[in-house]
N, C-alpha and C. Protein backbone atom coordinates (compact mmCIF):
# COMPACT_ATOMS: atom_id res chain seq x y z
N MET A 1 38.61 86.14 -17.43
CA MET A 1 37.69 86.29 -16.24
C MET A 1 38.29 85.15 -15.43
N SER A 2 38.76 85.25 -14.08
CA SER A 2 39.14 84.17 -13.33
C SER A 2 38.40 84.68 -11.73
N GLY A 3 38.48 83.41 -11.38
CA GLY A 3 37.89 83.62 -9.80
C GLY A 3 38.31 82.29 -9.02
N ARG A 4 38.34 82.66 -7.84
CA ARG A 4 38.54 81.83 -6.70
C ARG A 4 37.83 81.71 -5.61
N ILE A 5 37.75 80.79 -5.04
CA ILE A 5 36.50 80.72 -3.64
C ILE A 5 37.40 81.78 -2.30
N ASN A 6 37.15 82.66 -1.75
CA ASN A 6 37.48 83.46 -0.70
C ASN A 6 37.10 82.87 0.82
N HIS A 7 35.58 82.08 0.68
CA HIS A 7 35.29 81.45 1.93
C HIS A 7 34.67 80.93 1.30
N VAL A 8 34.17 79.70 2.59
CA VAL A 8 32.70 79.02 2.89
C VAL A 8 32.39 79.45 3.96
N SER A 9 31.19 79.40 4.23
CA SER A 9 30.13 79.45 5.24
C SER A 9 29.12 77.98 5.69
N ILE A 10 29.16 77.68 7.01
CA ILE A 10 28.87 76.90 7.13
C ILE A 10 28.13 77.05 8.99
N ASN A 11 27.23 76.17 9.18
CA ASN A 11 26.30 76.36 10.06
C ASN A 11 27.43 75.75 11.28
N ALA A 12 26.71 76.23 12.50
CA ALA A 12 27.49 76.16 13.84
C ALA A 12 26.04 76.47 14.57
N ARG A 13 26.37 74.99 15.72
CA ARG A 13 24.82 75.13 16.32
C ARG A 13 25.58 75.98 17.90
N ASP A 14 26.68 75.60 18.01
CA ASP A 14 27.30 76.18 19.38
C ASP A 14 28.43 77.04 18.27
N LEU A 15 28.64 77.96 18.68
CA LEU A 15 29.74 78.92 18.14
C LEU A 15 30.82 78.11 18.37
N GLN A 16 30.98 78.96 19.39
CA GLN A 16 32.07 78.48 20.28
C GLN A 16 32.62 77.05 20.06
N GLU A 17 31.78 76.10 20.68
CA GLU A 17 32.14 74.77 20.06
C GLU A 17 32.83 74.32 19.04
N SER A 18 32.50 75.50 17.74
CA SER A 18 32.30 74.57 16.35
C SER A 18 34.14 75.65 16.22
N VAL A 19 34.38 76.82 16.83
CA VAL A 19 35.59 77.58 16.67
C VAL A 19 36.47 76.93 17.34
N ASP A 20 36.34 76.48 18.39
CA ASP A 20 37.50 75.42 19.03
C ASP A 20 37.64 74.39 18.23
N PHE A 21 36.80 73.31 17.83
CA PHE A 21 37.13 72.39 17.15
C PHE A 21 37.91 72.89 15.81
N TRP A 22 37.55 73.94 15.10
CA TRP A 22 38.54 74.19 13.96
C TRP A 22 39.92 74.43 14.36
N VAL A 23 39.68 75.25 15.35
CA VAL A 23 41.20 75.80 15.81
C VAL A 23 42.39 74.62 16.40
N GLU A 24 41.72 73.95 16.85
CA GLU A 24 42.38 72.36 16.95
C GLU A 24 42.43 71.89 15.79
N LEU A 25 41.14 71.67 15.26
CA LEU A 25 41.83 70.26 14.17
C LEU A 25 42.93 71.08 12.90
N LEU A 26 42.69 72.36 12.55
CA LEU A 26 43.29 73.01 11.74
C LEU A 26 43.98 74.07 11.56
N GLY A 27 44.24 74.53 13.35
CA GLY A 27 44.86 75.62 13.48
C GLY A 27 44.25 76.85 12.78
N ALA A 28 43.07 76.85 12.69
CA ALA A 28 42.38 78.17 12.02
C ALA A 28 42.72 79.08 12.54
N GLU A 29 42.55 80.62 12.33
CA GLU A 29 42.64 81.84 13.27
C GLU A 29 41.49 82.32 13.35
N PRO A 30 40.97 82.95 14.53
CA PRO A 30 39.54 83.64 14.56
C PRO A 30 40.21 85.01 14.32
N ILE A 31 39.45 85.51 13.43
CA ILE A 31 39.42 86.95 12.93
C ILE A 31 38.82 87.41 13.03
N ALA A 32 39.07 89.48 13.00
CA ALA A 32 37.89 90.21 13.31
C ALA A 32 36.95 89.77 12.01
N THR A 33 35.66 90.20 12.56
CA THR A 33 34.00 89.39 11.91
C THR A 33 33.41 91.01 12.33
N PRO A 34 32.19 91.36 10.95
CA PRO A 34 31.62 92.41 11.37
C PRO A 34 30.20 91.56 11.86
N ASN A 35 29.47 92.50 12.81
CA ASN A 35 28.17 92.33 13.34
C ASN A 35 27.14 92.26 12.22
N PHE A 36 26.97 90.94 12.12
CA PHE A 36 25.87 90.38 10.96
C PHE A 36 24.22 90.40 11.55
N GLY A 37 24.16 90.70 13.11
CA GLY A 37 22.62 90.80 13.66
C GLY A 37 22.75 89.11 14.08
N LEU A 38 23.92 88.15 13.70
CA LEU A 38 23.52 87.01 14.36
C LEU A 38 24.80 86.39 14.86
N PRO A 39 25.10 85.40 15.93
CA PRO A 39 26.30 85.00 16.00
C PRO A 39 27.13 84.22 15.02
N VAL A 40 28.43 85.43 14.71
CA VAL A 40 29.03 84.95 12.99
C VAL A 40 30.47 84.66 13.73
N GLN A 41 31.62 83.66 13.19
CA GLN A 41 33.07 83.88 13.64
C GLN A 41 33.35 83.88 12.28
N TRP A 42 34.26 84.14 11.66
CA TRP A 42 35.25 84.24 10.57
C TRP A 42 36.25 83.85 10.94
N LEU A 43 37.27 82.72 10.60
CA LEU A 43 38.17 81.76 10.77
C LEU A 43 39.36 81.93 9.88
N ALA A 44 40.37 81.92 9.94
CA ALA A 44 41.53 82.12 8.40
C ALA A 44 41.92 80.58 8.57
N LEU A 45 42.20 80.68 7.43
CA LEU A 45 42.59 79.09 7.40
C LEU A 45 43.34 79.49 5.84
N GLY A 46 44.69 79.68 6.04
CA GLY A 46 45.18 80.24 4.53
C GLY A 46 44.87 81.32 4.32
N ARG A 47 45.11 81.21 2.96
CA ARG A 47 44.19 82.44 1.81
C ARG A 47 42.64 82.12 1.96
N THR A 48 42.24 81.41 2.77
CA THR A 48 40.70 81.19 2.74
C THR A 48 40.17 81.35 4.22
N GLN A 49 38.70 81.55 3.86
CA GLN A 49 38.02 82.29 5.09
C GLN A 49 37.06 80.61 5.61
N LEU A 50 37.10 80.67 6.94
CA LEU A 50 35.68 79.78 6.74
C LEU A 50 34.77 80.58 7.88
N HIS A 51 33.53 80.90 7.39
CA HIS A 51 32.60 81.38 8.42
C HIS A 51 31.73 80.97 8.95
N LEU A 52 31.55 80.84 10.54
CA LEU A 52 30.65 80.08 11.24
C LEU A 52 29.69 81.00 11.24
N PHE A 53 28.44 80.48 11.36
CA PHE A 53 27.15 81.03 11.66
C PHE A 53 26.36 79.93 12.70
N GLU A 54 25.92 80.68 13.78
CA GLU A 54 25.09 79.91 14.74
C GLU A 54 23.66 79.80 14.12
N ARG A 55 23.26 78.62 13.77
CA ARG A 55 21.66 78.56 13.65
C ARG A 55 21.64 76.75 14.11
N ASP A 56 20.50 76.17 14.47
CA ASP A 56 19.90 74.95 14.87
C ASP A 56 19.34 74.64 13.55
N VAL A 57 19.99 74.41 12.48
CA VAL A 57 19.80 73.50 11.26
C VAL A 57 20.65 72.12 11.25
N GLN A 58 19.78 71.33 10.85
CA GLN A 58 20.63 69.74 9.98
C GLN A 58 21.38 70.27 8.64
N PRO A 59 22.69 69.73 9.36
CA PRO A 59 23.19 69.55 7.63
C PRO A 59 22.96 68.50 6.94
N SER A 60 22.78 68.58 5.06
CA SER A 60 22.48 67.58 4.43
C SER A 60 23.17 66.45 4.33
N SER A 61 23.29 65.30 4.17
CA SER A 61 24.02 64.23 4.39
C SER A 61 25.31 63.99 3.02
N HIS A 62 25.48 64.40 2.24
CA HIS A 62 26.57 64.56 1.29
C HIS A 62 27.61 66.05 0.80
N HIS A 63 26.63 67.28 1.26
CA HIS A 63 27.46 68.24 1.12
C HIS A 63 28.36 68.29 1.99
N HIS A 64 29.60 68.72 1.60
CA HIS A 64 31.00 69.36 2.32
C HIS A 64 31.51 69.72 1.73
N LEU A 65 32.64 70.55 2.82
CA LEU A 65 33.85 71.10 2.19
C LEU A 65 35.53 70.29 2.45
N GLY A 66 36.22 70.16 1.26
CA GLY A 66 37.34 70.05 0.88
C GLY A 66 38.20 70.52 1.33
N ILE A 67 39.40 70.39 2.07
CA ILE A 67 40.71 70.88 2.96
C ILE A 67 41.75 69.90 2.38
N THR A 68 42.69 70.87 1.72
CA THR A 68 44.10 70.15 1.74
C THR A 68 44.98 70.28 2.65
N VAL A 69 45.77 69.04 3.01
CA VAL A 69 46.49 69.41 4.44
C VAL A 69 48.08 68.92 3.64
N ASP A 70 48.73 69.45 4.38
CA ASP A 70 50.39 68.61 4.00
C ASP A 70 50.65 67.51 4.82
N ASP A 71 50.05 67.27 6.11
CA ASP A 71 50.57 66.62 6.77
C ASP A 71 48.71 65.86 7.61
N LEU A 72 48.58 64.35 6.97
CA LEU A 72 47.49 64.19 7.74
C LEU A 72 46.96 63.66 9.04
N GLU A 73 48.16 63.31 9.57
CA GLU A 73 48.24 62.86 10.70
C GLU A 73 47.90 63.44 12.07
N PRO A 74 48.31 64.63 11.92
CA PRO A 74 48.16 65.39 13.03
C PRO A 74 46.08 65.62 13.12
N VAL A 75 46.04 65.84 11.99
CA VAL A 75 44.07 66.37 11.77
C VAL A 75 43.65 64.82 12.23
N TYR A 76 44.13 63.77 11.84
CA TYR A 76 43.26 62.21 12.24
C TYR A 76 43.52 62.05 13.78
N ARG A 77 44.75 62.28 14.17
CA ARG A 77 44.53 62.33 15.60
C ARG A 77 43.24 63.17 16.24
N VAL A 78 43.74 64.35 15.71
CA VAL A 78 42.31 65.21 16.45
C VAL A 78 41.31 64.75 16.50
N ALA A 79 40.52 64.31 15.23
CA ALA A 79 39.56 63.80 14.56
C ALA A 79 38.97 62.86 15.38
N GLU A 80 40.41 61.76 15.56
CA GLU A 80 40.18 60.05 16.31
C GLU A 80 39.61 60.67 17.70
N ARG A 81 40.25 61.56 18.57
CA ARG A 81 39.96 61.94 19.84
C ARG A 81 38.95 62.44 20.10
N ARG A 82 38.08 63.21 19.11
CA ARG A 82 37.14 63.95 18.95
C ARG A 82 35.75 63.17 18.69
N GLY A 83 36.50 61.80 18.10
CA GLY A 83 35.48 60.63 17.74
C GLY A 83 34.33 61.27 16.81
N ALA A 84 34.92 62.46 15.33
CA ALA A 84 34.97 62.95 14.75
C ALA A 84 34.47 62.09 13.24
N PHE A 85 34.65 60.47 13.29
CA PHE A 85 35.63 60.42 11.92
C PHE A 85 33.57 60.08 11.48
N ASP A 86 33.76 60.06 10.23
CA ASP A 86 32.34 59.96 9.31
C ASP A 86 32.66 58.53 8.50
N GLY A 87 31.91 57.72 8.78
CA GLY A 87 32.45 56.05 7.89
C GLY A 87 31.40 55.85 7.30
N ARG A 88 30.39 56.38 7.10
CA ARG A 88 29.35 56.28 6.64
C ARG A 88 28.76 57.05 4.91
N SER A 89 29.10 58.40 5.06
CA SER A 89 28.84 58.89 3.79
C SER A 89 29.23 58.44 2.05
N PHE A 90 30.65 57.91 2.55
CA PHE A 90 31.34 57.66 1.51
C PHE A 90 32.45 56.19 1.82
N ASN A 91 31.44 55.10 2.61
CA ASN A 91 31.70 53.64 2.99
C ASN A 91 33.02 54.06 4.13
N ASN A 92 33.49 54.91 3.91
CA ASN A 92 34.75 54.11 5.11
C ASN A 92 35.42 55.90 5.30
N HIS A 93 36.18 56.22 6.49
CA HIS A 93 36.24 57.36 7.08
C HIS A 93 37.98 57.56 6.51
N LEU A 94 38.10 57.03 5.66
CA LEU A 94 39.42 57.10 5.11
C LEU A 94 39.07 56.42 3.54
N VAL A 95 39.75 57.01 2.33
CA VAL A 95 39.47 56.46 1.14
C VAL A 95 40.34 57.02 0.32
N GLU A 96 40.88 55.90 -0.26
CA GLU A 96 41.79 56.44 -1.82
C GLU A 96 41.29 56.65 -2.89
N LEU A 97 41.76 57.86 -3.62
CA LEU A 97 41.33 58.34 -4.85
C LEU A 97 42.30 57.53 -5.78
N PRO A 98 42.18 57.52 -7.05
CA PRO A 98 43.49 57.73 -7.95
C PRO A 98 44.05 58.47 -8.22
N GLY A 99 45.13 58.27 -8.08
CA GLY A 99 46.48 59.89 -8.28
C GLY A 99 46.92 59.63 -7.05
N ASP A 100 46.83 58.44 -5.99
CA ASP A 100 47.24 58.52 -4.76
C ASP A 100 47.28 59.71 -3.69
N VAL A 101 45.65 60.17 -3.62
CA VAL A 101 45.40 60.89 -2.75
C VAL A 101 44.57 60.32 -1.76
N VAL A 102 44.66 60.43 -0.21
CA VAL A 102 43.53 60.01 0.49
C VAL A 102 42.82 61.30 1.00
N GLN A 103 41.44 60.53 1.74
CA GLN A 103 40.57 61.83 2.14
C GLN A 103 40.34 61.03 3.10
N LEU A 104 40.34 61.61 4.20
CA LEU A 104 39.55 61.62 5.75
C LEU A 104 38.48 62.24 5.65
N TYR A 105 37.47 61.43 6.22
CA TYR A 105 35.85 62.15 6.29
C TYR A 105 35.67 62.19 7.57
N LEU A 106 35.15 63.53 8.15
CA LEU A 106 34.49 63.99 9.01
C LEU A 106 34.02 64.54 9.58
N ARG A 107 32.99 64.88 10.69
CA ARG A 107 31.91 65.96 11.11
C ARG A 107 32.37 66.89 12.13
N ASP A 108 32.00 68.03 11.84
CA ASP A 108 32.35 68.98 12.89
C ASP A 108 31.19 69.02 13.84
N PRO A 109 31.45 69.58 15.09
CA PRO A 109 30.13 69.47 16.16
C PRO A 109 28.84 70.00 15.99
N ALA A 110 28.65 70.45 14.40
CA ALA A 110 27.43 71.03 14.04
C ALA A 110 26.59 70.00 12.92
N GLY A 111 28.05 68.81 12.73
CA GLY A 111 27.16 67.67 11.53
C GLY A 111 27.54 68.03 10.03
N ASN A 112 28.47 69.09 9.94
CA ASN A 112 28.81 69.38 8.41
C ASN A 112 29.72 68.21 8.45
N LEU A 113 29.42 67.69 7.05
CA LEU A 113 31.00 66.79 6.63
C LEU A 113 31.64 67.45 5.82
N VAL A 114 33.19 66.94 6.28
CA VAL A 114 34.37 67.90 6.09
C VAL A 114 35.53 66.36 5.29
N GLU A 115 35.84 66.98 3.99
CA GLU A 115 36.56 65.75 3.59
C GLU A 115 38.29 66.47 3.56
N ILE A 116 39.12 65.62 4.37
CA ILE A 116 39.92 66.63 4.28
C ILE A 116 41.48 65.69 3.64
N ASP A 117 41.76 66.39 2.78
CA ASP A 117 42.96 65.31 1.71
C ASP A 117 44.18 65.45 1.95
N HIS A 118 44.77 64.67 1.38
CA HIS A 118 46.18 64.49 2.08
C HIS A 118 46.92 63.76 0.34
N HIS A 119 48.03 64.02 -0.04
CA HIS A 119 48.96 62.86 -1.33
C HIS A 119 49.50 62.76 -0.59
N GLY A 120 49.51 61.04 -1.11
CA GLY A 120 51.06 60.07 -0.72
C GLY A 120 50.37 59.00 0.41
N LEU A 121 49.74 57.89 -0.50
CA LEU A 121 49.33 56.96 0.87
C LEU A 121 50.66 56.66 1.63
N ASP A 122 51.85 56.27 0.87
CA ASP A 122 52.79 55.98 1.86
C ASP A 122 53.41 56.77 2.61
N ARG A 123 53.01 58.27 2.89
CA ARG A 123 53.36 59.35 3.54
C ARG A 123 53.00 59.12 5.09
N LEU A 124 51.80 58.11 5.14
CA LEU A 124 50.94 58.09 6.26
C LEU A 124 51.41 57.04 6.90
N PRO A 125 51.27 57.18 8.54
CA PRO A 125 51.75 56.14 9.41
C PRO A 125 51.17 54.83 9.12
N GLU A 126 51.48 53.63 9.56
CA GLU A 126 50.95 52.31 9.72
C GLU A 126 49.44 52.22 9.92
N ASP A 127 49.45 52.60 11.47
CA ASP A 127 48.60 53.04 11.80
C ASP A 127 47.02 52.94 11.21
N ILE A 128 47.15 54.17 10.36
CA ILE A 128 46.29 54.88 9.62
C ILE A 128 45.99 54.37 7.96
N ARG A 129 47.60 53.83 7.73
CA ARG A 129 46.92 53.50 6.07
C ARG A 129 46.76 52.26 6.21
N ALA A 130 46.51 51.45 7.12
CA ALA A 130 45.95 50.29 7.43
C ALA A 130 44.65 50.63 7.33
N GLN A 131 44.01 51.66 7.77
CA GLN A 131 42.56 51.77 7.53
C GLN A 131 42.01 52.49 6.21
N VAL A 132 42.58 52.63 5.42
CA VAL A 132 42.21 53.26 3.93
C VAL A 132 41.98 52.55 3.21
N LYS A 133 40.56 52.78 2.80
CA LYS A 133 39.96 51.48 1.53
C LYS A 133 39.85 52.53 0.44
N PRO A 134 40.32 51.91 -0.63
CA PRO A 134 40.37 52.03 -1.68
C PRO A 134 39.00 52.57 -2.76
N LEU A 135 38.61 53.63 -3.39
CA LEU A 135 37.44 53.74 -3.76
C LEU A 135 36.47 52.79 -4.68
N TRP A 136 37.36 52.15 -5.41
CA TRP A 136 37.36 50.76 -6.49
C TRP A 136 37.12 50.04 -5.92
N GLU A 137 37.33 49.68 -4.36
CA GLU A 137 36.69 48.60 -3.82
C GLU A 137 35.04 48.83 -3.51
N PHE A 138 34.71 49.92 -3.10
CA PHE A 138 33.37 50.24 -3.12
C PHE A 138 32.71 50.73 -4.38
N ASN A 139 33.23 50.67 -5.71
CA ASN A 139 32.64 51.62 -6.54
C ASN A 139 33.29 51.08 -7.93
N PRO A 140 32.94 50.19 -8.99
CA PRO A 140 33.39 49.89 -9.68
C PRO A 140 34.16 51.19 -10.67
N GLN A 141 35.46 51.05 -11.09
CA GLN A 141 35.65 52.01 -11.89
C GLN A 141 36.23 51.93 -13.34
N SER A 142 35.69 52.50 -14.64
CA SER A 142 36.62 52.34 -15.55
C SER A 142 37.62 52.94 -16.27
N ASP A 143 38.24 52.81 -17.11
CA ASP A 143 39.79 52.98 -17.04
C ASP A 143 39.55 54.43 -17.19
N GLU A 144 38.56 55.01 -17.56
CA GLU A 144 38.78 56.54 -17.82
C GLU A 144 38.23 57.17 -16.45
N GLN A 145 37.47 56.50 -15.49
CA GLN A 145 37.27 56.82 -14.62
C GLN A 145 38.32 56.84 -13.86
N MET A 146 39.34 55.82 -13.53
CA MET A 146 40.65 56.25 -13.06
C MET A 146 41.78 56.72 -13.07
N GLN A 147 41.33 57.60 -14.30
CA GLN A 147 41.94 59.06 -14.62
C GLN A 147 42.07 59.91 -13.85
N GLY A 148 40.55 60.33 -13.18
CA GLY A 148 40.36 60.95 -12.79
C GLY A 148 41.41 61.79 -11.67
N ARG A 149 41.64 62.64 -11.58
CA ARG A 149 42.33 63.31 -10.17
C ARG A 149 41.55 64.67 -9.57
N LEU A 150 41.78 64.23 -7.96
CA LEU A 150 41.16 65.32 -7.37
C LEU A 150 42.36 66.58 -7.44
N PHE A 151 42.29 67.82 -7.61
CA PHE A 151 43.32 68.77 -7.91
C PHE A 151 43.72 68.73 -6.33
N VAL A 152 44.69 68.59 -6.05
CA VAL A 152 45.48 69.39 -4.76
C VAL A 152 46.77 69.44 -4.85
N PRO A 153 46.87 71.12 -4.61
CA PRO A 153 48.38 71.62 -4.65
C PRO A 153 49.47 71.29 -4.59
N ASP A 154 50.21 71.55 -4.84
CA ASP A 154 51.93 70.83 -4.51
C ASP A 154 52.25 72.20 -3.49
């Protein structure tokens, strides 16, 4: 038996505002969406879908979705322009993990925590690279923990 995630569903307080955010941030494509009896919009993100549903609920502090990108800079610039960085949840908005992975943490318009994953610290422009903090500066890591790798497809 094998499986893969085909979609993730998250809250949107203002559906159109959230759709606009995801389109600008990642080039998500609005696609045909069935009527569920409440405001819903499906978005295509590569082979995966992001489903937005409009409800006035407060997202939790650390539940999040992780999305891998080939180039972090354009995503970073959109998040910067929108004031979307989240530096509280994991101590900084840019965190380096063992294995040369950089994570950008941000919040969408509904407050959902989003983790953008990028492979290669040295591939980032200097102004972004200067803001990255290694995870081991916040939390001590054993040798075994330093071997942990986030799956980031090539």
